[in-house]
């Protein structure tokens, strides 16, 4: 009798990325941070927490825009996009810098074989 192969299962994960550019011209990257979320709400929470941490240092116009996205329809629309399998994001100027947050739905393949972990997408997949 042949050995049975494990049956892989596929699930959706959400690749979150924050890129801070040194200037608003986005010509030089200062810092990149990444986060893997398991559901759309967690992915958007990653952005909301990041934006809220910056709000007090923003000029009034940018603060209003940021809070409108965080507390208003922007983040709700972003969660809807992720549920549809579409990427989403938000960006703002912060002093002389420019910050962009993006979330991309990705597929992760799980192999059920003696506790093997998921095979996750590479950071550049879909870029």
PDB file of N, CA and C in Angstrom:
ATOM      1  N   UNK A   1       0.851  -1.167   0.000  1.00  0.00           N
ATOM      2  CA  UNK A   1       0.000   0.000   0.000  1.00  0.00           C
ATOM      3  C   UNK A   1       0.903   1.239   0.000  1.00  0.00           C
ATOM      4  N   UNK A   2       0.684   2.187  -0.938  1.00  0.00           N
ATOM      5  CA  UNK A   2       1.534   3.371  -1.008  1.00  0.00           C
ATOM      6  C   UNK A   2       1.286   4.301   0.182  1.00  0.00           C
ATOM      7  N   UNK A   3       2.368   4.986   0.583  1.00  0.00           N
ATOM      8  CA  UNK A   3       2.230   5.972   1.656  1.00  0.00           C
ATOM      9  C   UNK A   3       1.331   7.109   1.206  1.00  0.00           C
ATOM     10  N   UNK A   4       0.498   7.551   2.108  1.00  0.00           N
ATOM     11  CA  UNK A   4      -0.372   8.681   1.784  1.00  0.00           C
ATOM     12  C   UNK A   4       0.409   9.978   1.979  1.00  0.00           C
ATOM     13  N   UNK A   5       0.296  10.852   1.001  1.00  0.00           N
ATOM     14  CA  UNK A   5       0.949  12.156   1.075  1.00  0.00           C
ATOM     15  C   UNK A   5       0.073  13.108   1.874  1.00  0.00           C
ATOM     16  N   UNK A   6       0.696  14.022   2.625  1.00  0.00           N
ATOM     17  CA  UNK A   6      -0.116  15.004   3.351  1.00  0.00           C
ATOM     18  C   UNK A   6      -0.862  15.894   2.369  1.00  0.00           C
ATOM     19  N   UNK A   7      -2.049  16.283   2.769  1.00  0.00           N
ATOM     20  CA  UNK A   7      -2.875  17.134   1.921  1.00  0.00           C
ATOM     21  C   UNK A   7      -2.641  18.592   2.337  1.00  0.00           C
ATOM     22  N   UNK A   8      -2.133  19.421   1.420  1.00  0.00           N
ATOM     23  CA  UNK A   8      -1.906  20.821   1.784  1.00  0.00           C
ATOM     24  C   UNK A   8      -3.223  21.589   1.831  1.00  0.00           C
ATOM     25  N   UNK A   9      -3.277  22.556   2.706  1.00  0.00           N
ATOM     26  CA  UNK A   9      -4.417  23.457   2.737  1.00  0.00           C
ATOM     27  C   UNK A   9      -3.889  24.874   2.511  1.00  0.00           C
ATOM     28  N   UNK A  10      -4.718  25.695   1.917  1.00  0.00           N
ATOM     29  CA  UNK A  10      -4.322  27.050   1.592  1.00  0.00           C
ATOM     30  C   UNK A  10      -5.155  28.023   2.410  1.00  0.00           C
ATOM     31  N   UNK A  11      -4.506  29.008   2.959  1.00  0.00           N
ATOM     32  CA  UNK A  11      -5.199  30.037   3.718  1.00  0.00           C
ATOM     33  C   UNK A  11      -4.664  31.399   3.292  1.00  0.00           C
ATOM     34  N   UNK A  12      -5.435  32.414   3.520  1.00  0.00           N
ATOM     35  CA  UNK A  12      -5.020  33.767   3.175  1.00  0.00           C
ATOM     36  C   UNK A  12      -4.379  34.422   4.389  1.00  0.00           C
ATOM     37  N   UNK A  13      -3.234  35.070   4.167  1.00  0.00           N
ATOM     38  CA  UNK A  13      -2.568  35.878   5.187  1.00  0.00           C
ATOM     39  C   UNK A  13      -2.395  37.277   4.604  1.00  0.00           C
ATOM     40  N   UNK A  14      -1.968  38.216   5.434  1.00  0.00           N
ATOM     41  CA  UNK A  14      -1.889  39.604   4.992  1.00  0.00           C
ATOM     42  C   UNK A  14      -0.511  40.166   5.314  1.00  0.00           C
ATOM     43  N   UNK A  15       0.213  40.513   4.268  1.00  0.00           N
ATOM     44  CA  UNK A  15       1.573  41.019   4.379  1.00  0.00           C
ATOM     45  C   UNK A  15       1.513  42.538   4.522  1.00  0.00           C
ATOM     46  N   UNK A  16       1.887  43.047   5.698  1.00  0.00           N
ATOM     47  CA  UNK A  16       1.832  44.473   6.004  1.00  0.00           C
ATOM     48  C   UNK A  16       3.250  45.042   5.916  1.00  0.00           C
ATOM     49  N   UNK A  17       3.344  46.223   5.369  1.00  0.00           N
ATOM     50  CA  UNK A  17       4.649  46.853   5.230  1.00  0.00           C
ATOM     51  C   UNK A  17       4.533  48.352   5.472  1.00  0.00           C
ATOM     52  N   UNK A  18       5.488  48.902   6.215  1.00  0.00           N
ATOM     53  CA  UNK A  18       5.582  50.345   6.409  1.00  0.00           C
ATOM     54  C   UNK A  18       6.935  50.783   5.868  1.00  0.00           C
ATOM     55  N   UNK A  19       6.903  51.744   4.946  1.00  0.00           N
ATOM     56  CA  UNK A  19       8.133  52.279   4.374  1.00  0.00           C
ATOM     57  C   UNK A  19       8.205  53.759   4.729  1.00  0.00           C
ATOM     58  N   UNK A  20       9.303  54.151   5.336  1.00  0.00           N
ATOM     59  CA  UNK A  20       9.543  55.554   5.655  1.00  0.00           C
ATOM     60  C   UNK A  20      10.612  56.058   4.693  1.00  0.00           C
ATOM     61  N   UNK A  21      10.242  57.080   3.934  1.00  0.00           N
ATOM     62  CA  UNK A  21      11.172  57.722   3.008  1.00  0.00           C
ATOM     63  C   UNK A  21      11.737  58.972   3.674  1.00  0.00           C
ATOM     64  N   UNK A  22      12.977  59.292   3.366  1.00  0.00           N
ATOM     65  CA  UNK A  22      13.636  60.455   3.975  1.00  0.00           C
ATOM     66  C   UNK A  22      12.981  61.774   3.570  1.00  0.00           C
ATOM     67  N   UNK A  23      12.412  61.832   2.368  1.00  0.00           N
ATOM     68  CA  UNK A  23      11.775  63.054   1.879  1.00  0.00           C
ATOM     69  C   UNK A  23      10.427  62.714   1.256  1.00  0.00           C
ATOM     70  N   UNK A  24       9.614  63.744   1.037  1.00  0.00           N
ATOM     71  CA  UNK A  24       8.316  63.514   0.405  1.00  0.00           C
ATOM     72  C   UNK A  24       8.461  63.142  -1.065  1.00  0.00           C
ATOM     73  N   UNK A  25       9.652  63.312  -1.637  1.00  0.00           N
ATOM     74  CA  UNK A  25       9.884  62.895  -3.025  1.00  0.00           C
ATOM     75  C   UNK A  25      10.070  61.385  -3.151  1.00  0.00           C
ATOM     76  N   UNK A  26      10.079  60.674  -2.043  1.00  0.00           N
ATOM     77  CA  UNK A  26      10.217  59.213  -1.968  1.00  0.00           C
ATOM     78  C   UNK A  26      11.422  58.704  -2.752  1.00  0.00           C
ATOM     79  N   UNK A  27      12.531  59.442  -2.672  1.00  0.00           N
ATOM     80  CA  UNK A  27      13.707  59.038  -3.428  1.00  0.00           C
ATOM     81  C   UNK A  27      14.692  58.188  -2.628  1.00  0.00           C
ATOM     82  N   UNK A  28      14.575  58.178  -1.312  1.00  0.00           N
ATOM     83  CA  UNK A  28      15.497  57.403  -0.495  1.00  0.00           C
ATOM     84  C   UNK A  28      14.762  56.801   0.697  1.00  0.00           C
ATOM     85  N   UNK A  29      14.851  55.492   0.836  1.00  0.00           N
ATOM     86  CA  UNK A  29      14.182  54.792   1.926  1.00  0.00           C
ATOM     87  C   UNK A  29      15.018  54.914   3.199  1.00  0.00           C
ATOM     88  N   UNK A  30      14.377  55.330   4.280  1.00  0.00           N
ATOM     89  CA  UNK A  30      15.042  55.444   5.574  1.00  0.00           C
ATOM     90  C   UNK A  30      14.862  54.166   6.398  1.00  0.00           C
ATOM     91  N   UNK A  31      13.655  53.573   6.335  1.00  0.00           N
ATOM     92  CA  UNK A  31      13.377  52.402   7.167  1.00  0.00           C
ATOM     93  C   UNK A  31      12.199  51.624   6.598  1.00  0.00           C
ATOM     94  N   UNK A  32      12.271  50.307   6.726  1.00  0.00           N
ATOM     95  CA  UNK A  32      11.173  49.430   6.312  1.00  0.00           C
ATOM     96  C   UNK A  32      10.863  48.500   7.482  1.00  0.00           C
ATOM     97  N   UNK A  33       9.580  48.360   7.791  1.00  0.00           N
ATOM     98  CA  UNK A  33       9.176  47.365   8.787  1.00  0.00           C
ATOM     99  C   UNK A  33       8.039  46.543   8.204  1.00  0.00           C
ATOM    100  N   UNK A  34       7.990  45.277   8.611  1.00  0.00           N
ATOM    101  CA  UNK A  34       7.011  44.343   8.059  1.00  0.00           C
ATOM    102  C   UNK A  34       6.319  43.584   9.176  1.00  0.00           C
ATOM    103  N   UNK A  35       5.125  43.134   8.856  1.00  0.00           N
ATOM    104  CA  UNK A  35       4.299  42.405   9.820  1.00  0.00           C
ATOM    105  C   UNK A  35       3.403  41.448   9.036  1.00  0.00           C
ATOM    106  N   UNK A  36       3.256  40.243   9.508  1.00  0.00           N
ATOM    107  CA  UNK A  36       2.358  39.272   8.895  1.00  0.00           C
ATOM    108  C   UNK A  36       1.114  39.153   9.763  1.00  0.00           C
ATOM    109  N   UNK A  37      -0.045  39.459   9.196  1.00  0.00           N
ATOM    110  CA  UNK A  37      -1.312  39.386   9.918  1.00  0.00           C
ATOM    111  C   UNK A  37      -2.118  38.193   9.415  1.00  0.00           C
ATOM    112  N   UNK A  38      -2.933  37.651  10.297  1.00  0.00           N
ATOM    113  CA  UNK A  38      -3.732  36.483   9.938  1.00  0.00           C
ATOM    114  C   UNK A  38      -5.144  36.821   9.490  1.00  0.00           C
ATOM    115  N   UNK A  39      -5.577  38.069   9.708  1.00  0.00           N
ATOM    116  CA  UNK A  39      -6.900  38.470   9.228  1.00  0.00           C
ATOM    117  C   UNK A  39      -6.885  39.966   8.906  1.00  0.00           C
ATOM    118  N   UNK A  40      -7.863  40.426   8.125  1.00  0.00           N
ATOM    119  CA  UNK A  40      -7.891  41.837   7.703  1.00  0.00           C
ATOM    120  C   UNK A  40      -7.905  42.828   8.869  1.00  0.00           C
ATOM    121  N   UNK A  41      -8.644  42.519   9.927  1.00  0.00           N
ATOM    122  CA  UNK A  41      -8.720  43.438  11.065  1.00  0.00           C
ATOM    123  C   UNK A  41      -7.357  43.631  11.725  1.00  0.00           C
ATOM    124  N   UNK A  42      -6.618  42.551  11.873  1.00  0.00           N
ATOM    125  CA  UNK A  42      -5.273  42.643  12.461  1.00  0.00           C
ATOM    126  C   UNK A  42      -4.346  43.460  11.559  1.00  0.00           C
ATOM    127  N   UNK A  43      -4.467  43.283  10.259  1.00  0.00           N
ATOM    128  CA  UNK A  43      -3.632  44.023   9.317  1.00  0.00           C
ATOM    129  C   UNK A  43      -3.895  45.523   9.414  1.00  0.00           C
ATOM    130  N   UNK A  44      -5.151  45.918   9.459  1.00  0.00           N
ATOM    131  CA  UNK A  44      -5.492  47.332   9.546  1.00  0.00           C
ATOM    132  C   UNK A  44      -5.151  47.878  10.925  1.00  0.00           C
ATOM    133  N   UNK A  45      -5.259  47.071  11.950  1.00  0.00           N
ATOM    134  CA  UNK A  45      -4.845  47.490  13.293  1.00  0.00           C
ATOM    135  C   UNK A  45      -3.363  47.872  13.298  1.00  0.00           C
ATOM    136  N   UNK A  46      -2.543  47.145  12.545  1.00  0.00           N
ATOM    137  CA  UNK A  46      -1.113  47.461  12.408  1.00  0.00           C
ATOM    138  C   UNK A  46      -0.938  48.894  11.901  1.00  0.00           C
ATOM    139  N   UNK A  47      -1.701  49.268  10.888  1.00  0.00           N
ATOM    140  CA  UNK A  47      -1.609  50.631  10.347  1.00  0.00           C
ATOM    141  C   UNK A  47      -2.165  51.643  11.344  1.00  0.00           C
ATOM    142  N   UNK A  48      -3.334  51.368  11.894  1.00  0.00           N
ATOM    143  CA  UNK A  48      -3.969  52.314  12.824  1.00  0.00           C
ATOM    144  C   UNK A  48      -3.067  52.623  14.015  1.00  0.00           C
ATOM    145  N   UNK A  49      -2.434  51.609  14.598  1.00  0.00           N
ATOM    146  CA  UNK A  49      -1.543  51.837  15.737  1.00  0.00           C
ATOM    147  C   UNK A  49      -0.344  52.689  15.335  1.00  0.00           C
ATOM    148  N   UNK A  50       0.219  52.422  14.158  1.00  0.00           N
ATOM    149  CA  UNK A  50       1.348  53.207  13.660  1.00  0.00           C
ATOM    150  C   UNK A  50       0.958  54.663  13.451  1.00  0.00           C
ATOM    151  N   UNK A  51      -0.193  54.890  12.816  1.00  0.00           N
ATOM    152  CA  UNK A  51      -0.640  56.252  12.530  1.00  0.00           C
ATOM    153  C   UNK A  51      -0.942  56.986  13.828  1.00  0.00           C
ATOM    154  N   UNK A  52      -1.636  56.339  14.752  1.00  0.00           N
ATOM    155  CA  UNK A  52      -1.966  56.979  16.030  1.00  0.00           C
ATOM    156  C   UNK A  52      -0.707  57.406  16.794  1.00  0.00           C
ATOM    157  N   UNK A  53       0.360  56.629  16.681  1.00  0.00           N
ATOM    158  CA  UNK A  53       1.608  56.967  17.368  1.00  0.00           C
ATOM    159  C   UNK A  53       2.238  58.247  16.804  1.00  0.00           C
ATOM    160  N   UNK A  54       1.894  58.599  15.577  1.00  0.00           N
ATOM    161  CA  UNK A  54       2.481  59.778  14.930  1.00  0.00           C
ATOM    162  C   UNK A  54       1.599  61.015  14.976  1.00  0.00           C
ATOM    163  N   UNK A  55       0.339  60.872  15.305  1.00  0.00           N
ATOM    164  CA  UNK A  55      -0.643  61.943  15.151  1.00  0.00           C
ATOM    165  C   UNK A  55      -0.257  63.224  15.885  1.00  0.00           C
ATOM    166  N   UNK A  56       0.250  63.121  17.093  1.00  0.00           N
ATOM    167  CA  UNK A  56       0.535  64.343  17.858  1.00  0.00           C
ATOM    168  C   UNK A  56       1.624  65.194  17.218  1.00  0.00           C
ATOM    169  N   UNK A  57       2.500  64.602  16.446  1.00  0.00           N
ATOM    170  CA  UNK A  57       3.573  65.368  15.812  1.00  0.00           C
ATOM    171  C   UNK A  57       3.249  65.867  14.418  1.00  0.00           C
ATOM    172  N   UNK A  58       2.017  65.673  13.966  1.00  0.00           N
ATOM    173  CA  UNK A  58       1.644  66.080  12.610  1.00  0.00           C
ATOM    174  C   UNK A  58       1.095  67.501  12.586  1.00  0.00           C
ATOM    175  N   UNK A  59       1.294  68.204  11.460  1.00  0.00           N
ATOM    176  CA  UNK A  59       0.633  69.506  11.313  1.00  0.00           C
ATOM    177  C   UNK A  59      -0.884  69.303  11.263  1.00  0.00           C
ATOM    178  N   UNK A  60      -1.663  70.350  11.585  1.00  0.00           N
ATOM    179  CA  UNK A  60      -3.126  70.198  11.706  1.00  0.00           C
ATOM    180  C   UNK A  60      -3.800  69.545  10.499  1.00  0.00           C
ATOM    181  N   UNK A  61      -3.444  69.936   9.304  1.00  0.00           N
ATOM    182  CA  UNK A  61      -4.101  69.384   8.103  1.00  0.00           C
ATOM    183  C   UNK A  61      -3.827  67.880   7.959  1.00  0.00           C
ATOM    184  N   UNK A  62      -2.573  67.501   8.155  1.00  0.00           N
ATOM    185  CA  UNK A  62      -2.203  66.085   8.031  1.00  0.00           C
ATOM    186  C   UNK A  62      -2.778  65.284   9.201  1.00  0.00           C
ATOM    187  N   UNK A  63      -2.842  65.879  10.388  1.00  0.00           N
ATOM    188  CA  UNK A  63      -3.444  65.224  11.553  1.00  0.00           C
ATOM    189  C   UNK A  63      -4.918  64.923  11.277  1.00  0.00           C
ATOM    190  N   UNK A  64      -5.635  65.901  10.721  1.00  0.00           N
ATOM    191  CA  UNK A  64      -7.047  65.699  10.392  1.00  0.00           C
ATOM    192  C   UNK A  64      -7.213  64.559   9.384  1.00  0.00           C
ATOM    193  N   UNK A  65      -6.370  64.548   8.348  1.00  0.00           N
ATOM    194  CA  UNK A  65      -6.438  63.494   7.338  1.00  0.00           C
ATOM    195  C   UNK A  65      -6.153  62.127   7.951  1.00  0.00           C
ATOM    196  N   UNK A  66      -5.137  62.067   8.810  1.00  0.00           N
ATOM    197  CA  UNK A  66      -4.779  60.800   9.450  1.00  0.00           C
ATOM    198  C   UNK A  66      -5.902  60.294  10.346  1.00  0.00           C
ATOM    199  N   UNK A  67      -6.447  61.183  11.181  1.00  0.00           N
ATOM    200  CA  UNK A  67      -7.518  60.769  12.086  1.00  0.00           C
ATOM    201  C   UNK A  67      -8.796  60.405  11.330  1.00  0.00           C
ATOM    202  N   UNK A  68      -9.045  61.075  10.230  1.00  0.00           N
ATOM    203  CA  UNK A  68     -10.213  60.728   9.406  1.00  0.00           C
ATOM    204  C   UNK A  68     -10.075  59.310   8.863  1.00  0.00           C
ATOM    205  N   UNK A  69      -8.867  58.928   8.474  1.00  0.00           N
ATOM    206  CA  UNK A  69      -8.651  57.574   7.957  1.00  0.00           C
ATOM    207  C   UNK A  69      -8.751  56.558   9.100  1.00  0.00           C
ATOM    208  N   UNK A  70      -8.069  56.856  10.214  1.00  0.00           N
ATOM    209  CA  UNK A  70      -8.016  55.930  11.337  1.00  0.00           C
ATOM    210  C   UNK A  70      -9.386  55.714  11.968  1.00  0.00           C
ATOM    211  N   UNK A  71     -10.130  56.800  12.194  1.00  0.00           N
ATOM    212  CA  UNK A  71     -11.404  56.710  12.906  1.00  0.00           C
ATOM    213  C   UNK A  71     -12.611  56.718  11.982  1.00  0.00           C
ATOM    214  N   UNK A  72     -12.403  56.948  10.710  1.00  0.00           N
ATOM    215  CA  UNK A  72     -13.518  57.080   9.787  1.00  0.00           C
ATOM    216  C   UNK A  72     -13.566  55.976   8.759  1.00  0.00           C
ATOM    217  N   UNK A  73     -14.047  56.364   7.598  1.00  0.00           N
ATOM    218  CA  UNK A  73     -14.297  55.396   6.540  1.00  0.00           C
ATOM    219  C   UNK A  73     -13.074  54.803   5.884  1.00  0.00           C
ATOM    220  N   UNK A  74     -11.915  55.428   6.020  1.00  0.00           N
ATOM    221  CA  UNK A  74     -10.718  54.921   5.351  1.00  0.00           C
ATOM    222  C   UNK A  74     -10.338  53.518   5.770  1.00  0.00           C
ATOM    223  N   UNK A  75     -10.289  53.302   7.071  1.00  0.00           N
ATOM    224  CA  UNK A  75      -9.888  51.973   7.519  1.00  0.00           C
ATOM    225  C   UNK A  75     -10.992  50.946   7.282  1.00  0.00           C
ATOM    226  N   UNK A  76     -12.232  51.370   7.303  1.00  0.00           N
ATOM    227  CA  UNK A  76     -13.336  50.448   7.007  1.00  0.00           C
ATOM    228  C   UNK A  76     -13.283  50.002   5.549  1.00  0.00           C
ATOM    229  N   UNK A  77     -13.041  50.962   4.650  1.00  0.00           N
ATOM    230  CA  UNK A  77     -12.886  50.619   3.239  1.00  0.00           C
ATOM    231  C   UNK A  77     -11.696  49.700   3.005  1.00  0.00           C
ATOM    232  N   UNK A  78     -10.612  49.919   3.757  1.00  0.00           N
ATOM    233  CA  UNK A  78      -9.423  49.082   3.616  1.00  0.00           C
ATOM    234  C   UNK A  78      -9.708  47.646   4.058  1.00  0.00           C
ATOM    235  N   UNK A  79     -10.430  47.484   5.152  1.00  0.00           N
ATOM    236  CA  UNK A  79     -10.789  46.131   5.603  1.00  0.00           C
ATOM    237  C   UNK A  79     -11.656  45.446   4.543  1.00  0.00           C
ATOM    238  N   UNK A  80     -12.593  46.199   3.958  1.00  0.00           N
ATOM    239  CA  UNK A  80     -13.429  45.639   2.891  1.00  0.00           C
ATOM    240  C   UNK A  80     -12.598  45.193   1.703  1.00  0.00           C
ATOM    241  N   UNK A  81     -11.620  46.005   1.314  1.00  0.00           N
ATOM    242  CA  UNK A  81     -10.744  45.640   0.191  1.00  0.00           C
ATOM    243  C   UNK A  81      -9.995  44.341   0.494  1.00  0.00           C
ATOM    244  N   UNK A  82      -9.474  44.215   1.696  1.00  0.00           N
ATOM    245  CA  UNK A  82      -8.744  42.995   2.062  1.00  0.00           C
ATOM    246  C   UNK A  82      -9.647  41.775   2.043  1.00  0.00           C
ATOM    247  N   UNK A  83     -10.889  41.918   2.495  1.00  0.00           N
ATOM    248  CA  UNK A  83     -11.835  40.802   2.436  1.00  0.00           C
ATOM    249  C   UNK A  83     -12.116  40.384   0.996  1.00  0.00           C
ATOM    250  N   UNK A  84     -12.039  41.342   0.063  1.00  0.00           N
ATOM    251  CA  UNK A  84     -12.231  41.037  -1.363  1.00  0.00           C
ATOM    252  C   UNK A  84     -10.960  40.518  -2.018  1.00  0.00           C
ATOM    253  N   UNK A  85      -9.858  40.454  -1.260  1.00  0.00           N
ATOM    254  CA  UNK A  85      -8.594  39.983  -1.808  1.00  0.00           C
ATOM    255  C   UNK A  85      -7.794  41.067  -2.509  1.00  0.00           C
ATOM    256  N   UNK A  86      -8.142  42.330  -2.268  1.00  0.00           N
ATOM    257  CA  UNK A  86      -7.456  43.455  -2.904  1.00  0.00           C
ATOM    258  C   UNK A  86      -6.472  44.089  -1.926  1.00  0.00           C
ATOM    259  N   UNK A  87      -5.364  44.621  -2.421  1.00  0.00           N
ATOM    260  CA  UNK A  87      -4.427  45.325  -1.539  1.00  0.00           C
ATOM    261  C   UNK A  87      -4.999  46.684  -1.128  1.00  0.00           C
ATOM    262  N   UNK A  88      -4.440  47.257  -0.082  1.00  0.00           N
ATOM    263  CA  UNK A  88      -4.856  48.585   0.360  1.00  0.00           C
ATOM    264  C   UNK A  88      -3.665  49.279   1.003  1.00  0.00           C
ATOM    265  N   UNK A  89      -3.844  50.554   1.317  1.00  0.00           N
ATOM    266  CA  UNK A  89      -2.761  51.273   1.959  1.00  0.00           C
ATOM    267  C   UNK A  89      -3.164  52.665   2.388  1.00  0.00           C
ATOM    268  N   UNK A  90      -2.212  53.337   3.008  1.00  0.00           N
ATOM    269  CA  UNK A  90      -2.393  54.708   3.477  1.00  0.00           C
ATOM    270  C   UNK A  90      -1.017  55.353   3.511  1.00  0.00           C
ATOM    271  N   UNK A  91      -0.974  56.652   3.263  1.00  0.00           N
ATOM    272  CA  UNK A  91       0.305  57.360   3.309  1.00  0.00           C
ATOM    273  C   UNK A  91       0.087  58.757   3.865  1.00  0.00           C
ATOM    274  N   UNK A  92       1.152  59.319   4.423  1.00  0.00           N
ATOM    275  CA  UNK A  92       1.088  60.689   4.917  1.00  0.00           C
ATOM    276  C   UNK A  92       2.484  61.285   4.994  1.00  0.00           C
ATOM    277  N   UNK A  93       2.519  62.605   5.016  1.00  0.00           N
ATOM    278  CA  UNK A  93       3.795  63.285   5.218  1.00  0.00           C
ATOM    279  C   UNK A  93       3.981  63.499   6.708  1.00  0.00           C
ATOM    280  N   UNK A  94       5.210  63.374   7.146  1.00  0.00           N
ATOM    281  CA  UNK A  94       5.546  63.491   8.559  1.00  0.00           C
ATOM    282  C   UNK A  94       6.843  64.279   8.651  1.00  0.00           C
ATOM    283  N   UNK A  95       6.709  65.564   8.917  1.00  0.00           N
ATOM    284  CA  UNK A  95       7.874  66.443   8.860  1.00  0.00           C
ATOM    285  C   UNK A  95       8.363  66.506   7.422  1.00  0.00           C
ATOM    286  N   UNK A  96       9.629  66.233   7.228  1.00  0.00           N
ATOM    287  CA  UNK A  96      10.198  66.189   5.881  1.00  0.00           C
ATOM    288  C   UNK A  96      10.062  64.811   5.238  1.00  0.00           C
ATOM    289  N   UNK A  97       9.603  63.838   5.998  1.00  0.00           N
ATOM    290  CA  UNK A  97       9.539  62.450   5.528  1.00  0.00           C
ATOM    291  C   UNK A  97       8.167  62.114   4.952  1.00  0.00           C
ATOM    292  N   UNK A  98       8.120  60.977   4.270  1.00  0.00           N
ATOM    293  CA  UNK A  98       6.888  60.423   3.705  1.00  0.00           C
ATOM    294  C   UNK A  98       6.779  58.988   4.186  1.00  0.00           C
ATOM    295  N   UNK A  99       5.603  58.605   4.684  1.00  0.00           N
ATOM    296  CA  UNK A  99       5.403  57.244   5.198  1.00  0.00           C
ATOM    297  C   UNK A  99       4.273  56.581   4.425  1.00  0.00           C
ATOM    298  N   UNK A 100       4.514  55.357   3.999  1.00  0.00           N
ATOM    299  CA  UNK A 100       3.497  54.575   3.285  1.00  0.00           C
ATOM    300  C   UNK A 100       3.290  53.243   3.994  1.00  0.00           C
ATOM    301  N   UNK A 101       2.037  52.909   4.211  1.00  0.00           N
ATOM    302  CA  UNK A 101       1.661  51.602   4.737  1.00  0.00           C
ATOM    303  C   UNK A 101       0.910  50.866   3.634  1.00  0.00           C
ATOM    304  N   UNK A 102       1.251  49.621   3.405  1.00  0.00           N
ATOM    305  CA  UNK A 102       0.521  48.802   2.440  1.00  0.00           C
ATOM    306  C   UNK A 102       0.219  47.442   3.068  1.00  0.00           C
ATOM    307  N   UNK A 103      -0.892  46.872   2.634  1.00  0.00           N
ATOM    308  CA  UNK A 103      -1.257  45.516   3.039  1.00  0.00           C
ATOM    309  C   UNK A 103      -1.628  44.763   1.775  1.00  0.00           C
ATOM    310  N   UNK A 104      -1.027  43.594   1.604  1.00  0.00           N
ATOM    311  CA  UNK A 104      -1.291  42.759   0.434  1.00  0.00           C
ATOM    312  C   UNK A 104      -1.749  41.370   0.888  1.00  0.00           C
ATOM    313  N   UNK A 105      -2.925  40.960   0.434  1.00  0.00           N
ATOM    314  CA  UNK A 105      -3.336  39.582   0.727  1.00  0.00           C
ATOM    315  C   UNK A 105      -2.416  38.598   0.000  1.00  0.00           C
ATOM    316  N   UNK A 106      -2.049  37.531   0.667  1.00  0.00           N
ATOM    317  CA  UNK A 106      -1.186  36.503   0.096  1.00  0.00           C
ATOM    318  C   UNK A 106      -1.755  35.144   0.481  1.00  0.00           C
ATOM    319  N   UNK A 107      -1.328  34.139  -0.221  1.00  0.00           N
ATOM    320  CA  UNK A 107      -1.741  32.785   0.129  1.00  0.00           C
ATOM    321  C   UNK A 107      -0.600  32.087   0.855  1.00  0.00           C
ATOM    322  N   UNK A 108      -0.938  31.350   1.903  1.00  0.00           N
ATOM    323  CA  UNK A 108       0.029  30.530   2.627  1.00  0.00           C
ATOM    324  C   UNK A 108      -0.440  29.085   2.515  1.00  0.00           C
ATOM    325  N   UNK A 109       0.487  28.184   2.233  1.00  0.00           N
ATOM    326  CA  UNK A 109       0.164  26.772   2.082  1.00  0.00           C
ATOM    327  C   UNK A 109       0.592  26.051   3.354  1.00  0.00           C
ATOM    328  N   UNK A 110      -0.349  25.356   3.966  1.00  0.00           N
ATOM    329  CA  UNK A 110      -0.072  24.569   5.160  1.00  0.00           C
ATOM    330  C   UNK A 110      -0.019  23.105   4.769  1.00  0.00           C
ATOM    331  N   UNK A 111       1.002  22.400   5.255  1.00  0.00           N
ATOM    332  CA  UNK A 111       1.117  20.969   4.991  1.00  0.00           C
ATOM    333  C   UNK A 111       0.906  20.256   6.315  1.00  0.00           C
ATOM    334  N   UNK A 112      -0.117  19.433   6.373  1.00  0.00           N
ATOM    335  CA  UNK A 112      -0.447  18.728   7.607  1.00  0.00           C
ATOM    336  C   UNK A 112       0.360  17.440   7.675  1.00  0.00           C
ATOM    337  N   UNK A 113       1.594  17.565   8.172  1.00  0.00           N
ATOM    338  CA  UNK A 113       2.470  16.406   8.240  1.00  0.00           C
ATOM    339  C   UNK A 113       3.361  16.529   9.476  1.00  0.00           C
ATOM    340  N   UNK A 114       2.962  15.893  10.554  1.00  0.00           N
ATOM    341  CA  UNK A 114       3.738  15.852  11.791  1.00  0.00           C
ATOM    342  C   UNK A 114       4.126  17.241  12.282  1.00  0.00           C
ATOM    343  N   UNK A 115       3.192  18.173  12.224  1.00  0.00           N
ATOM    344  CA  UNK A 115       3.426  19.479  12.812  1.00  0.00           C
ATOM    345  C   UNK A 115       4.224  20.450  11.971  1.00  0.00           C
ATOM    346  N   UNK A 116       4.413  20.179  10.678  1.00  0.00           N
ATOM    347  CA  UNK A 116       5.133  21.137   9.837  1.00  0.00           C
ATOM    348  C   UNK A 116       4.415  22.472   9.850  1.00  0.00           C
ATOM    349  N   UNK A 117       5.192  23.540   9.861  1.00  0.00           N
ATOM    350  CA  UNK A 117       4.625  24.876   9.845  1.00  0.00           C
ATOM    351  C   UNK A 117       4.224  25.276   8.437  1.00  0.00           C
ATOM    352  N   UNK A 118       3.529  26.374   8.352  1.00  0.00           N
ATOM    353  CA  UNK A 118       3.072  26.885   7.057  1.00  0.00           C
ATOM    354  C   UNK A 118       4.254  27.318   6.214  1.00  0.00           C
ATOM    355  N   UNK A 119       4.095  27.172   4.918  1.00  0.00           N
ATOM    356  CA  UNK A 119       5.051  27.713   3.965  1.00  0.00           C
ATOM    357  C   UNK A 119       4.527  29.084   3.601  1.00  0.00           C
ATOM    358  N   UNK A 120       5.159  30.137   4.111  1.00  0.00           N
ATOM    359  CA  UNK A 120       4.661  31.491   3.940  1.00  0.00           C
ATOM    360  C   UNK A 120       5.262  32.137   2.697  1.00  0.00           C
ATOM    361  N   UNK A 121       4.584  33.140   2.160  1.00  0.00           N
ATOM    362  CA  UNK A 121       5.097  33.827   0.986  1.00  0.00           C
ATOM    363  C   UNK A 121       6.364  34.597   1.306  1.00  0.00           C
ATOM    364  N   UNK A 122       7.180  34.801   0.305  1.00  0.00           N
ATOM    365  CA  UNK A 122       8.373  35.615   0.496  1.00  0.00           C
ATOM    366  C   UNK A 122       7.977  37.072   0.529  1.00  0.00           C
ATOM    367  N   UNK A 123       8.759  37.944   1.189  1.00  0.00           N
ATOM    368  CA  UNK A 123       8.393  39.347   1.310  1.00  0.00           C
ATOM    369  C   UNK A 123       8.185  40.061  -0.022  1.00  0.00           C
ATOM    370  N   UNK A 124       8.836  39.632  -1.082  1.00  0.00           N
ATOM    371  CA  UNK A 124       8.729  40.339  -2.339  1.00  0.00           C
ATOM    372  C   UNK A 124       7.668  39.759  -3.270  1.00  0.00           C
ATOM    373  N   UNK A 125       7.011  38.687  -2.858  1.00  0.00           N
ATOM    374  CA  UNK A 125       5.989  38.090  -3.707  1.00  0.00           C
ATOM    375  C   UNK A 125       4.852  39.085  -3.947  1.00  0.00           C
ATOM    376  N   UNK A 126       4.526  39.326  -5.170  1.00  0.00           N
ATOM    377  CA  UNK A 126       3.452  40.254  -5.511  1.00  0.00           C
ATOM    378  C   UNK A 126       3.886  41.695  -5.605  1.00  0.00           C
ATOM    379  N   UNK A 127       5.192  41.970  -5.407  1.00  0.00           N
ATOM    380  CA  UNK A 127       5.663  43.362  -5.496  1.00  0.00           C
ATOM    381  C   UNK A 127       5.742  43.794  -6.941  1.00  0.00           C
TER     382      UNK A 127
END
